[in-house]
Amino acid sequence: MDLERLTATALALQAIPSPTFEERERAGEFRDRLIASGWGPVHLDPAGNVLGRLGEPSGSLLRSDATFT
């Protein structure tokens, strides 16, 4: 991913409101973008954290805290 695309993605994600305990919309968008980029499986846990793996079964693991501050 080039720097321009990375910056645009970060700005788009930050533009989605996510007050404390209401981060699900932003987390869902982040999840969708990871899936579109080839990460999988990716899902939201009950707390709203994004969990994903790049490559199976022992690929890189991603866990994003639901708080995007």
C-alpha atoms as a PDB file:
ATOM      1  CA  MET A   1       0.000   0.000   0.000  1.00  0.00           C
ATOM      2  CA  ASP A   2       1.415   3.371  -0.946  1.00  0.00           C
ATOM      3  CA  LEU A   3       1.566   6.284   1.482  1.00  0.00           C
ATOM      4  CA  GLU A   4      -1.193   8.245  -0.279  1.00  0.00           C
ATOM      5  CA  ARG A   5      -3.614   5.313  -0.107  1.00  0.00           C
ATOM      6  CA  LEU A   6      -2.660   4.566   3.499  1.00  0.00           C
ATOM      7  CA  THR A   7      -3.268   8.194   4.483  1.00  0.00           C
ATOM      8  CA  ALA A   8      -6.635   8.272   2.676  1.00  0.00           C
ATOM      9  CA  THR A   9      -7.688   5.042   4.405  1.00  0.00           C
ATOM     10  CA  ALA A  10      -6.670   6.329   7.842  1.00  0.00           C
ATOM     11  CA  LEU A  11      -8.535   9.605   7.291  1.00  0.00           C
ATOM     12  CA  ALA A  12     -11.657   7.796   6.081  1.00  0.00           C
ATOM     13  CA  LEU A  13     -11.663   5.550   9.143  1.00  0.00           C
ATOM     14  CA  GLN A  14     -11.087   8.479  11.499  1.00  0.00           C
ATOM     15  CA  ALA A  15     -14.018  10.346   9.923  1.00  0.00           C
ATOM     16  CA  ILE A  16     -16.450   7.694  11.178  1.00  0.00           C
ATOM     17  CA  PRO A  17     -17.739   8.747  14.602  1.00  0.00           C
ATOM     18  CA  SER A  18     -16.884   6.269  17.340  1.00  0.00           C
ATOM     19  CA  PRO A  19     -17.654   7.564  20.806  1.00  0.00           C
ATOM     20  CA  THR A  20     -16.747   5.293  23.687  1.00  0.00           C
ATOM     21  CA  PHE A  21     -18.742   2.043  23.603  1.00  0.00           C
ATOM     22  CA  GLU A  22     -20.163   2.952  20.184  1.00  0.00           C
ATOM     23  CA  GLU A  23     -17.199   1.992  17.993  1.00  0.00           C
ATOM     24  CA  ARG A  24     -18.951  -0.806  16.070  1.00  0.00           C
ATOM     25  CA  GLU A  25     -19.529   1.201  12.855  1.00  0.00           C
ATOM     26  CA  ARG A  26     -15.855   2.176  12.560  1.00  0.00           C
ATOM     27  CA  ALA A  27     -14.685  -1.301  13.523  1.00  0.00           C
ATOM     28  CA  GLY A  28     -17.015  -2.804  10.904  1.00  0.00           C
ATOM     29  CA  GLU A  29     -15.580  -0.548   8.204  1.00  0.00           C
ATOM     30  CA  PHE A  30     -12.058  -1.494   9.284  1.00  0.00           C
ATOM     31  CA  ARG A  31     -13.020  -5.179   9.137  1.00  0.00           C
ATOM     32  CA  ASP A  32     -14.485  -4.751   5.640  1.00  0.00           C
ATOM     33  CA  ARG A  33     -11.336  -3.015   4.401  1.00  0.00           C
ATOM     34  CA  LEU A  34      -9.136  -5.786   5.808  1.00  0.00           C
ATOM     35  CA  ILE A  35     -11.239  -8.432   4.071  1.00  0.00           C
ATOM     36  CA  ALA A  36     -11.043  -6.498   0.788  1.00  0.00           C
ATOM     37  CA  SER A  37      -7.251  -6.381   1.191  1.00  0.00           C
ATOM     38  CA  GLY A  38      -6.935 -10.155   1.497  1.00  0.00           C
ATOM     39  CA  TRP A  39      -7.026 -10.662   5.239  1.00  0.00           C
ATOM     40  CA  GLY A  40      -9.135 -13.557   6.348  1.00  0.00           C
ATOM     41  CA  PRO A  41     -10.871 -14.691   8.309  1.00  0.00           C
ATOM     42  CA  VAL A  42     -11.686 -11.351   9.920  1.00  0.00           C
ATOM     43  CA  HIS A  43     -14.475 -10.740  12.399  1.00  0.00           C
ATOM     44  CA  LEU A  44     -15.625  -8.593  15.288  1.00  0.00           C
ATOM     45  CA  ASP A  45     -15.542 -10.140  18.740  1.00  0.00           C
ATOM     46  CA  PRO A  46     -18.339  -9.463  21.279  1.00  0.00           C
ATOM     47  CA  ALA A  47     -16.469  -6.418  22.583  1.00  0.00           C
ATOM     48  CA  GLY A  48     -16.208  -4.938  19.063  1.00  0.00           C
ATOM     49  CA  ASN A  49     -12.521  -5.653  18.524  1.00  0.00           C
ATOM     50  CA  VAL A  50     -11.416  -6.545  15.005  1.00  0.00           C
ATOM     51  CA  LEU A  51      -9.652  -9.912  14.862  1.00  0.00           C
ATOM     52  CA  GLY A  52      -8.018 -11.206  11.716  1.00  0.00           C
ATOM     53  CA  ARG A  53      -5.316 -13.417  10.322  1.00  0.00           C
ATOM     54  CA  LEU A  54      -3.268 -12.975   7.160  1.00  0.00           C
ATOM     55  CA  GLY A  55      -2.511 -16.446   5.881  1.00  0.00           C
ATOM     56  CA  GLU A  56      -3.694 -19.683   7.368  1.00  0.00           C
ATOM     57  CA  PRO A  57      -3.252 -21.339   9.783  1.00  0.00           C
ATOM     58  CA  SER A  58      -0.311 -19.567  11.384  1.00  0.00           C
ATOM     59  CA  GLY A  59      -0.167 -16.256   9.512  1.00  0.00           C
ATOM     60  CA  SER A  60       0.148 -12.829  11.043  1.00  0.00           C
ATOM     61  CA  LEU A  61      -2.506 -12.113  13.664  1.00  0.00           C
ATOM     62  CA  LEU A  62      -4.208  -8.750  13.974  1.00  0.00           C
ATOM     63  CA  ARG A  63      -6.175  -7.614  16.999  1.00  0.00           C
ATOM     64  CA  SER A  64      -7.403  -4.079  16.960  1.00  0.00           C
ATOM     65  CA  ASP A  65      -8.809  -2.602  20.125  1.00  0.00           C
ATOM     66  CA  ALA A  66     -12.233  -1.137  19.524  1.00  0.00           C
ATOM     67  CA  THR A  67     -11.053   2.226  20.836  1.00  0.00           C
ATOM     68  CA  PHE A  68      -9.726   4.146  17.840  1.00  0.00           C
ATOM     69  CA  THR A  69      -8.425   7.244  19.577  1.00  0.00           C
END
